[in-house]
Protein backbone atom coordinates (compact mmCIF):
# COMPACT_ATOMS: atom_id res chain seq x y z
CA MET A 1 0.00 0.00 0.00
CA ARG A 2 2.79 2.41 0.91
CA SER A 3 4.74 1.69 -2.25
CA TRP A 4 1.60 2.28 -4.30
CA LEU A 5 1.06 5.71 -2.61
CA LEU A 6 4.71 6.60 -3.09
CA CYS A 7 4.53 5.77 -6.80
CA LEU A 8 1.36 7.82 -7.12
CA PHE A 9 2.91 10.79 -5.34
CA VAL A 10 6.09 10.68 -7.45
CA SER A 11 4.16 10.33 -10.67
CA LEU A 12 1.87 13.27 -9.81
CA SER A 13 4.65 15.63 -8.76
CA PRO A 14 5.07 18.65 -11.07
CA THR A 15 8.64 17.76 -12.05
CA ALA A 16 7.75 14.22 -13.02
CA PHE A 17 4.73 15.51 -14.91
CA ALA A 18 6.83 18.05 -16.84
CA LEU A 19 9.49 15.47 -17.67
CA GLY A 20 6.80 13.02 -18.75
CA VAL A 21 5.20 15.62 -21.07
CA GLU A 22 8.57 16.52 -22.57
CA ALA A 23 9.45 12.85 -23.05
CA ALA A 24 6.08 12.15 -24.69
CA SER A 25 6.42 15.10 -27.06
CA GLY A 26 9.91 14.06 -28.09
CA ALA A 27 11.39 17.36 -26.96
CA LYS A 28 14.74 17.50 -25.33
CA PRO A 29 14.38 17.65 -21.52
CA SER A 30 15.05 21.12 -20.26
CA VAL A 31 17.75 21.75 -17.75
CA VAL A 32 16.58 23.25 -14.48
CA PRO A 33 18.56 26.47 -13.94
CA ALA A 34 20.81 26.41 -10.91
CA THR A 35 19.94 28.82 -8.16
CA THR A 36 22.27 31.72 -7.76
CA TYR A 37 24.47 31.85 -4.70
CA GLN A 38 23.71 34.66 -2.28
CA GLU A 39 26.17 35.82 0.33
CA PRO A 40 24.71 34.86 3.75
CA PHE A 41 26.18 37.89 5.53
CA SER A 42 25.23 40.57 3.06
CA THR A 43 23.65 43.81 4.23
CA ALA A 44 20.27 42.84 2.84
CA ALA A 45 20.32 39.43 4.53
CA LEU A 46 21.37 40.89 7.89
CA THR A 47 18.74 43.61 7.65
CA GLN A 48 16.07 41.04 6.87
CA LEU A 49 17.26 38.88 9.78
CA LEU A 50 17.24 41.78 12.25
CA LEU A 51 13.84 43.05 11.14
CA GLY A 52 12.38 39.57 11.41
CA LEU A 53 13.88 39.14 14.86
CA LEU A 54 12.53 42.50 16.04
CA PHE A 55 9.13 41.62 14.64
CA VAL A 56 9.03 38.30 16.50
CA ILE A 57 10.20 39.87 19.78
CA GLY A 58 7.63 42.66 19.42
CA LEU A 59 4.93 40.09 18.70
CA ILE A 60 5.88 38.17 21.86
CA PHE A 61 5.68 41.32 23.98
CA LEU A 62 2.38 42.33 22.39
CA LEU A 63 0.83 38.93 22.98
CA SER A 64 2.02 38.82 26.59
CA TRP A 65 0.60 42.31 27.21
CA CYS A 66 -2.72 41.31 25.61
CA PHE A 67 -2.86 38.15 27.69
CA LYS A 68 -2.26 40.07 30.91
CA ARG A 69 -4.67 42.84 29.95
CA PHE A 70 -7.57 40.82 28.59
CA SER A 71 -7.30 37.50 30.38
CA GLY A 72 -10.03 38.50 32.82
CA VAL A 73 -8.09 37.15 35.76
CA THR A 74 -8.30 39.48 38.73
CA PRO A 75 -5.53 39.44 41.29
CA MET A 76 -6.33 37.02 44.09
CA ALA A 77 -4.59 39.08 46.77
CA ARG A 78 -5.97 42.55 46.20
CA HIS A 79 -6.69 42.91 49.93
CA MET A 80 -3.24 41.70 50.93
CA LYS A 81 -0.02 43.69 50.58
CA VAL A 82 3.57 43.12 51.56
CA LEU A 83 4.57 46.31 53.36
CA SER A 84 8.13 45.54 54.33
CA VAL A 85 10.75 42.80 54.16
CA LEU A 86 13.74 42.46 56.47
CA PRO A 87 16.37 39.84 55.56
CA LEU A 88 17.56 38.04 58.70
CA SER A 89 20.04 35.73 56.99
CA THR A 90 20.63 34.45 53.48
CA ARG A 91 17.61 32.16 53.71
CA GLU A 92 15.34 33.66 56.36
CA LYS A 93 13.46 36.95 56.42
CA ALA A 94 10.81 38.79 58.38
CA VAL A 95 7.85 40.04 56.34
CA LEU A 96 5.26 42.62 57.40
CA VAL A 97 1.97 41.95 55.60
CA GLN A 98 -1.20 44.08 55.55
CA VAL A 99 -4.38 41.94 55.56
CA GLY A 100 -7.47 44.11 55.67
CA ASP A 101 -7.05 46.35 58.74
CA LYS A 102 -4.49 44.12 60.46
CA GLN A 103 -0.77 43.92 59.99
CA LEU A 104 0.97 40.58 60.48
CA LEU A 105 4.64 39.93 61.10
CA LEU A 106 5.65 36.64 59.49
CA GLY A 107 8.89 34.69 59.59
CA VAL A 108 9.69 33.17 56.20
CA ALA A 109 12.22 30.38 55.74
CA PRO A 110 12.60 27.78 52.98
CA GLY A 111 9.58 25.52 53.19
CA ARG A 112 8.05 27.28 56.22
CA VAL A 113 6.12 30.46 57.10
CA SER A 114 5.64 31.23 60.80
CA HIS A 115 3.28 33.77 62.36
CA LEU A 116 5.34 35.94 64.74
CA HIS A 117 2.98 38.72 65.79
CA SER A 118 -0.32 40.43 64.87
CA PHE A 119 -0.73 44.20 65.18
CA GLU A 120 -4.21 45.55 65.81
CA GLU A 121 -3.16 49.11 64.96
CA PRO A 122 -1.04 49.69 61.87
CA ILE A 123 2.62 50.27 62.68
CA VAL A 124 3.54 51.15 59.10
CA ASP A 125 1.50 53.54 56.97
CA ASP A 126 0.71 51.67 53.75
CA GLN A 127 -0.35 54.83 51.90
CA PRO A 128 2.51 57.08 50.79
CA ASN A 129 2.27 60.66 52.05
CA GLU A 130 2.68 62.14 48.61
CA SER A 131 2.27 60.50 45.26
CA PHE A 132 4.97 60.54 42.64
CA ALA A 133 2.75 62.48 40.26
CA ALA A 134 2.27 65.28 42.81
CA ARG A 135 6.01 65.48 43.51
CA LEU A 136 6.79 65.53 39.78
CA GLY A 137 4.23 68.31 39.22
CA GLU A 138 5.83 70.39 41.99
CA ALA A 139 9.30 69.89 40.53
CA ILE A 140 8.13 70.92 37.05
CA SER A 141 6.34 74.01 38.35
CA LYS A 142 9.46 75.03 40.31
CA ARG A 143 11.57 74.52 37.19
CA ARG A 144 9.20 76.67 35.12
CA SER A 145 9.20 79.43 37.71
CA VAL A 146 13.03 79.43 37.75
CA ASP A 147 13.13 79.51 33.92
CA GLU A 148 10.60 82.37 33.77
CA ALA A 149 12.56 84.38 36.36
CA ASP A 150 15.71 84.20 34.21
C-alpha cells in the first residue's frame, strides 16, 4: 500500500509531470537552472534577519501584554499587601503583611512560614504621604518658575 502511494505521489509531482510531457512530445528535456548563490552575511540578509527578529520579539511582547490585559483574571490578593521585608540571613526573612485592617509579622524560611505577631493598629502607613505624580508636578512648576525668572 505504501509503495503504491509513493509511486502515485512521485508520478503526480510537477517535475515528473513536466518530464513526462517533454518525453512524450519528443522534446529534449530542459535543464533546471541552478539557483544563484547569495552571500549569507550581506547587508540585505542581515537587515532582513534583524527586522524579522525585532518583529518576533515585538509580537511576543504584544501577545504577553494582551494576555495580561484581557485574560479576565483578577488578582487574588488585592486585599493583601507586603509592606516591608527584612532579611535576617541568606535564607530567612521577616515580612510585614497588611491583611485588611491588620498587619501581620511573618517569619519566612525555605519551606516554612511562621506567624510571629499580629498588630491591631497599623505600625507602618501603607499609603505614601505624597504620590509621585504630585512630587513631579511640583518639581516641574518650580523649574518653570526658575526659567521664567531668568
